[in-house]
PDB file of N, CA and C in Angstrom:
ATOM      1  N   MET A   1       0.867  -1.122  -0.081  1.00  0.00           N
ATOM      2  CA  MET A   1       0.108   0.023  -0.013  1.00  0.00           C
ATOM      3  C   MET A   1       0.792   1.256  -0.052  1.00  0.00           C
ATOM      4  N   SER A   2       0.376   2.173  -0.571  1.00  0.00           N
ATOM      5  CA  SER A   2       1.352   3.574  -0.708  1.00  0.00           C
ATOM      6  C   SER A   2       1.114   4.374   0.668  1.00  0.00           C
ATOM      7  N   GLU A   3       2.045   5.173   0.707  1.00  0.00           N
ATOM      8  CA  GLU A   3       2.156   5.918   1.903  1.00  0.00           C
ATOM      9  C   GLU A   3       1.575   7.408   1.550  1.00  0.00           C
ATOM     10  N   LEU A   4       1.018   8.178   2.533  1.00  0.00           N
ATOM     11  CA  LEU A   4       0.532   9.486   2.319  1.00  0.00           C
ATOM     12  C   LEU A   4       1.749  10.512   1.882  1.00  0.00           C
ATOM     13  N   ALA A   5       1.574  11.157   0.960  1.00  0.00           N
ATOM     14  CA  ALA A   5       2.685  12.084   0.587  1.00  0.00           C
ATOM     15  C   ALA A   5       2.353  13.506   0.848  1.00  0.00           C
ATOM     16  N   THR A   6       0.877  13.792   0.559  1.00  0.00           N
ATOM     17  CA  THR A   6       0.319  15.168   0.876  1.00  0.00           C
ATOM     18  C   THR A   6      -1.079  14.982   1.536  1.00  0.00           C
ATOM     19  N   VAL A   7      -1.132  15.897   2.680  1.00  0.00           N
ATOM     20  CA  VAL A   7      -2.536  15.875   3.250  1.00  0.00           C
ATOM     21  C   VAL A   7      -3.139  17.183   3.281  1.00  0.00           C
ATOM     22  N   GLY A   8      -4.089  17.417   3.050  1.00  0.00           N
ATOM     23  CA  GLY A   8      -5.035  18.756   3.163  1.00  0.00           C
ATOM     24  C   GLY A   8      -5.915  18.551   4.326  1.00  0.00           C
ATOM     25  N   ILE A   9      -5.958  19.629   5.109  1.00  0.00           N
ATOM     26  CA  ILE A   9      -6.823  19.670   6.343  1.00  0.00           C
ATOM     27  C   ILE A   9      -7.575  20.985   6.316  1.00  0.00           C
ATOM     28  N   ASP A  10      -9.030  20.609   6.410  1.00  0.00           N
ATOM     29  CA  ASP A  10      -9.988  21.687   6.609  1.00  0.00           C
ATOM     30  C   ASP A  10     -10.271  21.769   7.969  1.00  0.00           C
ATOM     31  N   LEU A  11      -9.811  22.926   8.785  1.00  0.00           N
ATOM     32  CA  LEU A  11      -9.896  23.039  10.169  1.00  0.00           C
ATOM     33  C   LEU A  11     -11.430  23.571  10.378  1.00  0.00           C
ATOM     34  N   ALA A  12     -12.054  23.190  11.461  1.00  0.00           N
ATOM     35  CA  ALA A  12     -13.342  23.705  11.786  1.00  0.00           C
ATOM     36  C   ALA A  12     -13.304  23.621  13.344  1.00  0.00           C
ATOM     37  N   LYS A  13     -14.471  24.046  14.049  1.00  0.00           N
ATOM     38  CA  LYS A  13     -14.567  24.134  15.371  1.00  0.00           C
ATOM     39  C   LYS A  13     -14.404  22.758  16.081  1.00  0.00           C
ATOM     40  N   SER A  14     -15.116  21.674  15.765  1.00  0.00           N
ATOM     41  CA  SER A  14     -14.965  20.442  16.306  1.00  0.00           C
ATOM     42  C   SER A  14     -14.753  19.173  15.394  1.00  0.00           C
ATOM     43  N   VAL A  15     -14.885  19.164  14.135  1.00  0.00           N
ATOM     44  CA  VAL A  15     -14.840  18.150  13.220  1.00  0.00           C
ATOM     45  C   VAL A  15     -13.873  18.872  11.942  1.00  0.00           C
ATOM     46  N   PHE A  16     -12.853  17.931  11.759  1.00  0.00           N
ATOM     47  CA  PHE A  16     -11.837  18.566  10.676  1.00  0.00           C
ATOM     48  C   PHE A  16     -12.057  17.608   9.567  1.00  0.00           C
ATOM     49  N   GLN A  17     -11.914  17.914   8.330  1.00  0.00           N
ATOM     50  CA  GLN A  17     -11.754  17.148   7.147  1.00  0.00           C
ATOM     51  C   GLN A  17     -10.417  16.822   6.725  1.00  0.00           C
ATOM     52  N   ILE A  18      -9.986  15.613   6.411  1.00  0.00           N
ATOM     53  CA  ILE A  18      -8.706  15.173   5.956  1.00  0.00           C
ATOM     54  C   ILE A  18      -8.880  14.542   4.664  1.00  0.00           C
ATOM     55  N   HIS A  19      -8.046  14.966   3.857  1.00  0.00           N
ATOM     56  CA  HIS A  19      -7.989  14.555   2.376  1.00  0.00           C
ATOM     57  C   HIS A  19      -6.179  14.239   2.115  1.00  0.00           C
ATOM     58  N   GLY A  20      -6.277  12.967   1.977  1.00  0.00           N
ATOM     59  CA  GLY A  20      -4.500  12.613   1.718  1.00  0.00           C
ATOM     60  C   GLY A  20      -4.474  11.899   0.561  1.00  0.00           C
ATOM     61  N   VAL A  21      -3.361  12.252  -0.196  1.00  0.00           N
ATOM     62  CA  VAL A  21      -2.919  11.415  -1.603  1.00  0.00           C
ATOM     63  C   VAL A  21      -1.474  11.040  -1.374  1.00  0.00           C
ATOM     64  N   ASP A  22      -1.268  10.024  -2.273  1.00  0.00           N
ATOM     65  CA  ASP A  22       0.094   9.583  -2.419  1.00  0.00           C
ATOM     66  C   ASP A  22       0.876  10.437  -3.526  1.00  0.00           C
ATOM     67  N   GLU A  23       1.941   9.926  -3.893  1.00  0.00           N
ATOM     68  CA  GLU A  23       2.896  10.734  -4.743  1.00  0.00           C
ATOM     69  C   GLU A  23       2.276  10.829  -6.132  1.00  0.00           C
ATOM     70  N   SER A  24       1.592   9.771  -6.515  1.00  0.00           N
ATOM     71  CA  SER A  24       0.933   9.870  -7.856  1.00  0.00           C
ATOM     72  C   SER A  24      -0.488  10.435  -7.995  1.00  0.00           C
ATOM     73  N   GLY A  25      -0.953  11.067  -6.911  1.00  0.00           N
ATOM     74  CA  GLY A  25      -2.180  11.714  -6.785  1.00  0.00           C
ATOM     75  C   GLY A  25      -3.381  10.809  -6.386  1.00  0.00           C
ATOM     76  N   GLN A  26      -3.044   9.568  -6.246  1.00  0.00           N
ATOM     77  CA  GLN A  26      -4.340   8.715  -5.880  1.00  0.00           C
ATOM     78  C   GLN A  26      -4.681   8.987  -4.441  1.00  0.00           C
ATOM     79  N   VAL A  27      -6.195   9.075  -4.263  1.00  0.00           N
ATOM     80  CA  VAL A  27      -6.683   9.379  -2.968  1.00  0.00           C
ATOM     81  C   VAL A  27      -6.543   8.222  -2.057  1.00  0.00           C
ATOM     82  N   LEU A  28      -5.929   8.336  -0.891  1.00  0.00           N
ATOM     83  CA  LEU A  28      -5.890   7.316   0.201  1.00  0.00           C
ATOM     84  C   LEU A  28      -6.645   7.540   1.277  1.00  0.00           C
ATOM     85  N   VAL A  29      -6.817   8.758   1.673  1.00  0.00           N
ATOM     86  CA  VAL A  29      -7.645   8.993   2.901  1.00  0.00           C
ATOM     87  C   VAL A  29      -8.551  10.198   2.628  1.00  0.00           C
ATOM     88  N   ARG A  30      -9.765  10.094   2.982  1.00  0.00           N
ATOM     89  CA  ARG A  30     -10.840  10.962   2.880  1.00  0.00           C
ATOM     90  C   ARG A  30     -11.898  10.799   3.944  1.00  0.00           C
ATOM     91  N   ARG A  31     -11.567  11.531   5.103  1.00  0.00           N
ATOM     92  CA  ARG A  31     -12.340  11.165   6.293  1.00  0.00           C
ATOM     93  C   ARG A  31     -12.526  12.476   7.144  1.00  0.00           C
ATOM     94  N   GLN A  32     -13.463  12.267   8.169  1.00  0.00           N
ATOM     95  CA  GLN A  32     -13.713  13.367   9.217  1.00  0.00           C
ATOM     96  C   GLN A  32     -12.903  12.838  10.440  1.00  0.00           C
ATOM     97  N   LEU A  33     -12.396  13.824  11.273  1.00  0.00           N
ATOM     98  CA  LEU A  33     -11.721  13.626  12.498  1.00  0.00           C
ATOM     99  C   LEU A  33     -12.191  14.658  13.458  1.00  0.00           C
ATOM    100  N   ARG A  34     -12.488  14.019  14.668  1.00  0.00           N
ATOM    101  CA  ARG A  34     -12.752  14.963  15.740  1.00  0.00           C
ATOM    102  C   ARG A  34     -11.387  15.698  16.321  1.00  0.00           C
ATOM    103  N   ARG A  35     -11.686  16.890  17.021  1.00  0.00           N
ATOM    104  CA  ARG A  35     -10.547  17.542  17.507  1.00  0.00           C
ATOM    105  C   ARG A  35      -9.497  16.662  18.270  1.00  0.00           C
ATOM    106  N   GLY A  36      -9.980  15.768  19.168  1.00  0.00           N
ATOM    107  CA  GLY A  36      -9.127  14.972  19.905  1.00  0.00           C
ATOM    108  C   GLY A  36      -8.515  13.790  19.092  1.00  0.00           C
ATOM    109  N   GLN A  37      -8.954  13.606  17.851  1.00  0.00           N
ATOM    110  CA  GLN A  37      -8.455  12.441  16.898  1.00  0.00           C
ATOM    111  C   GLN A  37      -7.212  12.821  16.056  1.00  0.00           C
ATOM    112  N   LEU A  38      -7.037  14.161  15.850  1.00  0.00           N
ATOM    113  CA  LEU A  38      -6.254  14.725  14.901  1.00  0.00           C
ATOM    114  C   LEU A  38      -4.712  14.366  15.185  1.00  0.00           C
ATOM    115  N   LEU A  39      -4.257  14.555  16.281  1.00  0.00           N
ATOM    116  CA  LEU A  39      -2.941  14.551  16.712  1.00  0.00           C
ATOM    117  C   LEU A  39      -2.599  12.997  16.729  1.00  0.00           C
ATOM    118  N   ALA A  40      -3.557  11.983  17.315  1.00  0.00           N
ATOM    119  CA  ALA A  40      -3.260  10.649  17.200  1.00  0.00           C
ATOM    120  C   ALA A  40      -3.161  10.077  15.830  1.00  0.00           C
ATOM    121  N   PHE A  41      -4.037  10.509  14.934  1.00  0.00           N
ATOM    122  CA  PHE A  41      -4.025  10.211  13.557  1.00  0.00           C
ATOM    123  C   PHE A  41      -2.656  10.488  12.816  1.00  0.00           C
ATOM    124  N   PHE A  42      -1.975  11.461  13.142  1.00  0.00           N
ATOM    125  CA  PHE A  42      -0.744  11.870  12.436  1.00  0.00           C
ATOM    126  C   PHE A  42       0.502  11.422  13.217  1.00  0.00           C
ATOM    127  N   GLN A  43       0.429  10.918  14.460  1.00  0.00           N
ATOM    128  CA  GLN A  43       1.367  10.142  15.041  1.00  0.00           C
ATOM    129  C   GLN A  43       1.574   8.914  14.492  1.00  0.00           C
ATOM    130  N   LYS A  44       0.688   8.170  13.971  1.00  0.00           N
ATOM    131  CA  LYS A  44       0.827   6.868  13.456  1.00  0.00           C
ATOM    132  C   LYS A  44       1.331   6.927  11.917  1.00  0.00           C
ATOM    133  N   ARG A  45       1.376   8.136  11.474  1.00  0.00           N
ATOM    134  CA  ARG A  45       1.823   8.254   9.978  1.00  0.00           C
ATOM    135  C   ARG A  45       3.210   8.769   9.879  1.00  0.00           C
ATOM    136  N   PRO A  46       3.881   8.178   8.678  1.00  0.00           N
ATOM    137  CA  PRO A  46       5.359   8.574   8.475  1.00  0.00           C
ATOM    138  C   PRO A  46       5.071  10.332   8.004  1.00  0.00           C
ATOM    139  N   ARG A  47       6.400  10.787   8.006  1.00  0.00           N
ATOM    140  CA  ARG A  47       6.323  12.198   7.730  1.00  0.00           C
ATOM    141  C   ARG A  47       5.647  12.520   6.236  1.00  0.00           C
ATOM    142  N   CYS A  48       4.764  13.682   6.402  1.00  0.00           N
ATOM    143  CA  CYS A  48       4.417  14.062   5.000  1.00  0.00           C
ATOM    144  C   CYS A  48       4.073  15.583   4.941  1.00  0.00           C
ATOM    145  N   LEU A  49       3.839  16.020   3.819  1.00  0.00           N
ATOM    146  CA  LEU A  49       3.552  17.368   3.673  1.00  0.00           C
ATOM    147  C   LEU A  49       1.977  17.598   4.004  1.00  0.00           C
ATOM    148  N   ILE A  50       1.858  18.722   4.915  1.00  0.00           N
ATOM    149  CA  ILE A  50       0.548  18.987   5.347  1.00  0.00           C
ATOM    150  C   ILE A  50       0.213  20.332   4.977  1.00  0.00           C
ATOM    151  N   GLY A  51      -0.989  20.649   4.355  1.00  0.00           N
ATOM    152  CA  GLY A  51      -1.447  22.027   3.979  1.00  0.00           C
ATOM    153  C   GLY A  51      -2.664  22.398   4.530  1.00  0.00           C
ATOM    154  N   MET A  52      -2.913  23.599   5.061  1.00  0.00           N
ATOM    155  CA  MET A  52      -4.083  23.895   5.658  1.00  0.00           C
ATOM    156  C   MET A  52      -4.155  25.357   5.455  1.00  0.00           C
ATOM    157  N   GLU A  53      -5.417  25.889   5.689  1.00  0.00           N
ATOM    158  CA  GLU A  53      -5.816  27.484   5.551  1.00  0.00           C
ATOM    159  C   GLU A  53      -5.205  28.177   6.789  1.00  0.00           C
ATOM    160  N   ALA A  54      -4.418  29.295   6.631  1.00  0.00           N
ATOM    161  CA  ALA A  54      -4.004  30.076   7.670  1.00  0.00           C
ATOM    162  C   ALA A  54      -5.286  30.809   8.410  1.00  0.00           C
ATOM    163  N   CYS A  55      -5.242  30.498   9.654  1.00  0.00           N
ATOM    164  CA  CYS A  55      -6.271  30.998  10.449  1.00  0.00           C
ATOM    165  C   CYS A  55      -5.783  30.992  11.984  1.00  0.00           C
ATOM    166  N   ALA A  56      -6.714  31.383  12.784  1.00  0.00           N
ATOM    167  CA  ALA A  56      -6.047  31.665  14.254  1.00  0.00           C
ATOM    168  C   ALA A  56      -5.667  30.333  14.717  1.00  0.00           C
ATOM    169  N   GLY A  57      -6.466  29.267  14.470  1.00  0.00           N
ATOM    170  CA  GLY A  57      -5.916  28.029  15.123  1.00  0.00           C
ATOM    171  C   GLY A  57      -5.035  27.131  14.312  1.00  0.00           C
ATOM    172  N   SER A  58      -4.785  27.527  13.122  1.00  0.00           N
ATOM    173  CA  SER A  58      -3.933  26.673  12.152  1.00  0.00           C
ATOM    174  C   SER A  58      -2.378  26.869  12.725  1.00  0.00           C
ATOM    175  N   HIS A  59      -2.050  27.987  13.294  1.00  0.00           N
ATOM    176  CA  HIS A  59      -0.773  28.088  13.619  1.00  0.00           C
ATOM    177  C   HIS A  59      -0.415  27.215  14.819  1.00  0.00           C
ATOM    178  N   ASP A  60      -1.397  27.167  15.746  1.00  0.00           N
ATOM    179  CA  ASP A  60      -1.045  26.097  16.944  1.00  0.00           C
ATOM    180  C   ASP A  60      -1.105  24.668  16.385  1.00  0.00           C
ATOM    181  N   TRP A  61      -1.992  24.282  15.540  1.00  0.00           N
ATOM    182  CA  TRP A  61      -1.969  23.041  15.000  1.00  0.00           C
ATOM    183  C   TRP A  61      -0.623  22.654  14.229  1.00  0.00           C
ATOM    184  N   GLY A  62      -0.241  23.696  13.389  1.00  0.00           N
ATOM    185  CA  GLY A  62       1.031  23.426  12.637  1.00  0.00           C
ATOM    186  C   GLY A  62       2.228  23.244  13.389  1.00  0.00           C
ATOM    187  N   ARG A  63       2.209  23.967  14.490  1.00  0.00           N
ATOM    188  CA  ARG A  63       3.407  23.742  15.538  1.00  0.00           C
ATOM    189  C   ARG A  63       3.415  22.464  16.029  1.00  0.00           C
ATOM    190  N   ARG A  64       2.180  21.876  16.375  1.00  0.00           N
ATOM    191  CA  ARG A  64       2.079  20.491  17.144  1.00  0.00           C
ATOM    192  C   ARG A  64       2.524  19.469  15.977  1.00  0.00           C
ATOM    193  N   LEU A  65       2.037  19.660  14.748  1.00  0.00           N
ATOM    194  CA  LEU A  65       2.365  18.653  13.710  1.00  0.00           C
ATOM    195  C   LEU A  65       3.753  18.663  13.454  1.00  0.00           C
ATOM    196  N   GLN A  66       4.354  19.813  13.410  1.00  0.00           N
ATOM    197  CA  GLN A  66       5.935  19.970  13.017  1.00  0.00           C
ATOM    198  C   GLN A  66       6.699  19.158  14.077  1.00  0.00           C
ATOM    199  N   GLU A  67       6.328  19.377  15.308  1.00  0.00           N
ATOM    200  CA  GLU A  67       6.851  18.678  16.417  1.00  0.00           C
ATOM    201  C   GLU A  67       7.042  17.219  16.198  1.00  0.00           C
ATOM    202  N   MET A  68       6.074  16.720  15.533  1.00  0.00           N
ATOM    203  CA  MET A  68       6.123  15.304  15.091  1.00  0.00           C
ATOM    204  C   MET A  68       6.854  14.960  13.757  1.00  0.00           C
ATOM    205  N   GLY A  69       7.246  16.093  13.237  1.00  0.00           N
ATOM    206  CA  GLY A  69       8.278  15.758  11.999  1.00  0.00           C
ATOM    207  C   GLY A  69       7.505  15.877  10.965  1.00  0.00           C
ATOM    208  N   HIS A  70       6.477  16.301  10.714  1.00  0.00           N
ATOM    209  CA  HIS A  70       5.634  16.705   9.500  1.00  0.00           C
ATOM    210  C   HIS A  70       5.929  18.075   8.851  1.00  0.00           C
ATOM    211  N   ASP A  71       6.043  18.238   7.538  1.00  0.00           N
ATOM    212  CA  ASP A  71       6.206  19.514   6.891  1.00  0.00           C
ATOM    213  C   ASP A  71       4.887  20.183   6.757  1.00  0.00           C
ATOM    214  N   VAL A  72       4.545  21.234   7.554  1.00  0.00           N
ATOM    215  CA  VAL A  72       3.315  21.918   7.548  1.00  0.00           C
ATOM    216  C   VAL A  72       3.377  23.234   6.691  1.00  0.00           C
ATOM    217  N   ARG A  73       2.513  23.615   5.726  1.00  0.00           N
ATOM    218  CA  ARG A  73       2.381  24.880   4.876  1.00  0.00           C
ATOM    219  C   ARG A  73       1.254  25.305   5.267  1.00  0.00           C
ATOM    220  N   LEU A  74       1.083  26.687   5.600  1.00  0.00           N
ATOM    221  CA  LEU A  74       0.004  27.426   5.704  1.00  0.00           C
ATOM    222  C   LEU A  74      -0.362  28.187   4.555  1.00  0.00           C
ATOM    223  N   MET A  75      -1.524  28.181   3.977  1.00  0.00           N
ATOM    224  CA  MET A  75      -1.926  28.981   2.688  1.00  0.00           C
ATOM    225  C   MET A  75      -2.850  30.113   3.269  1.00  0.00           C
ATOM    226  N   PRO A  76      -2.732  31.348   2.583  1.00  0.00           N
ATOM    227  CA  PRO A  76      -3.759  32.469   2.764  1.00  0.00           C
ATOM    228  C   PRO A  76      -5.190  31.932   2.254  1.00  0.00           C
ATOM    229  N   PRO A  77      -6.002  32.431   2.887  1.00  0.00           N
ATOM    230  CA  PRO A  77      -7.474  32.288   2.514  1.00  0.00           C
ATOM    231  C   PRO A  77      -7.798  32.562   1.076  1.00  0.00           C
ATOM    232  N   SER A  78      -7.228  33.628   0.437  1.00  0.00           N
ATOM    233  CA  SER A  78      -7.566  33.817  -0.966  1.00  0.00           C
ATOM    234  C   SER A  78      -6.993  32.693  -1.841  1.00  0.00           C
ATOM    235  N   TYR A  79      -5.972  32.068  -1.500  1.00  0.00           N
ATOM    236  CA  TYR A  79      -5.447  30.835  -2.269  1.00  0.00           C
ATOM    237  C   TYR A  79      -6.322  29.608  -2.132  1.00  0.00           C
ATOM    238  N   VAL A  80      -6.873  29.532  -1.016  1.00  0.00           N
ATOM    239  CA  VAL A  80      -7.822  28.231  -0.816  1.00  0.00           C
ATOM    240  C   VAL A  80      -9.117  28.251  -1.301  1.00  0.00           C
ATOM    241  N   LYS A  81      -9.774  29.730  -1.417  1.00  0.00           N
ATOM    242  CA  LYS A  81     -11.074  29.777  -1.956  1.00  0.00           C
ATOM    243  C   LYS A  81     -11.499  29.035  -3.363  1.00  0.00           C
ATOM    244  N   PRO A  82     -10.438  29.009  -4.213  1.00  0.00           N
ATOM    245  CA  PRO A  82     -10.977  28.379  -5.608  1.00  0.00           C
ATOM    246  C   PRO A  82     -11.023  26.938  -5.416  1.00  0.00           C
ATOM    247  N   TYR A  83     -10.887  26.220  -4.064  1.00  0.00           N
ATOM    248  CA  TYR A  83     -10.958  24.903  -3.998  1.00  0.00           C
ATOM    249  C   TYR A  83     -12.260  24.446  -3.334  1.00  0.00           C
ATOM    250  N   VAL A  84     -12.905  25.703  -2.942  1.00  0.00           N
ATOM    251  CA  VAL A  84     -14.197  25.431  -2.298  1.00  0.00           C
ATOM    252  C   VAL A  84     -15.291  24.971  -3.387  1.00  0.00           C
ATOM    253  N   LYS A  85     -15.983  24.059  -3.222  1.00  0.00           N
ATOM    254  CA  LYS A  85     -17.119  23.633  -4.269  1.00  0.00           C
ATOM    255  C   LYS A  85     -18.455  23.837  -3.681  1.00  0.00           C
TER     256      LYS A  85
END
């Protein structure tokens, strides 16, 4: 089975959306996680690139994920808006 290469996280108040793909772009993970499950989910995964929209809470989540060894990138909201369907 392929490993996650890139993960997108849509942060919300209590339920987060996770979308993960491998290096070829094949979708491997598409699920919802509660706030308490997010760090446990990424502790089990090898290092990967994680992208999320820059907001008040994303900086804290980004620091926590970087402590686990993941590469976290925050995107301005104007860059994320075209992906909203």
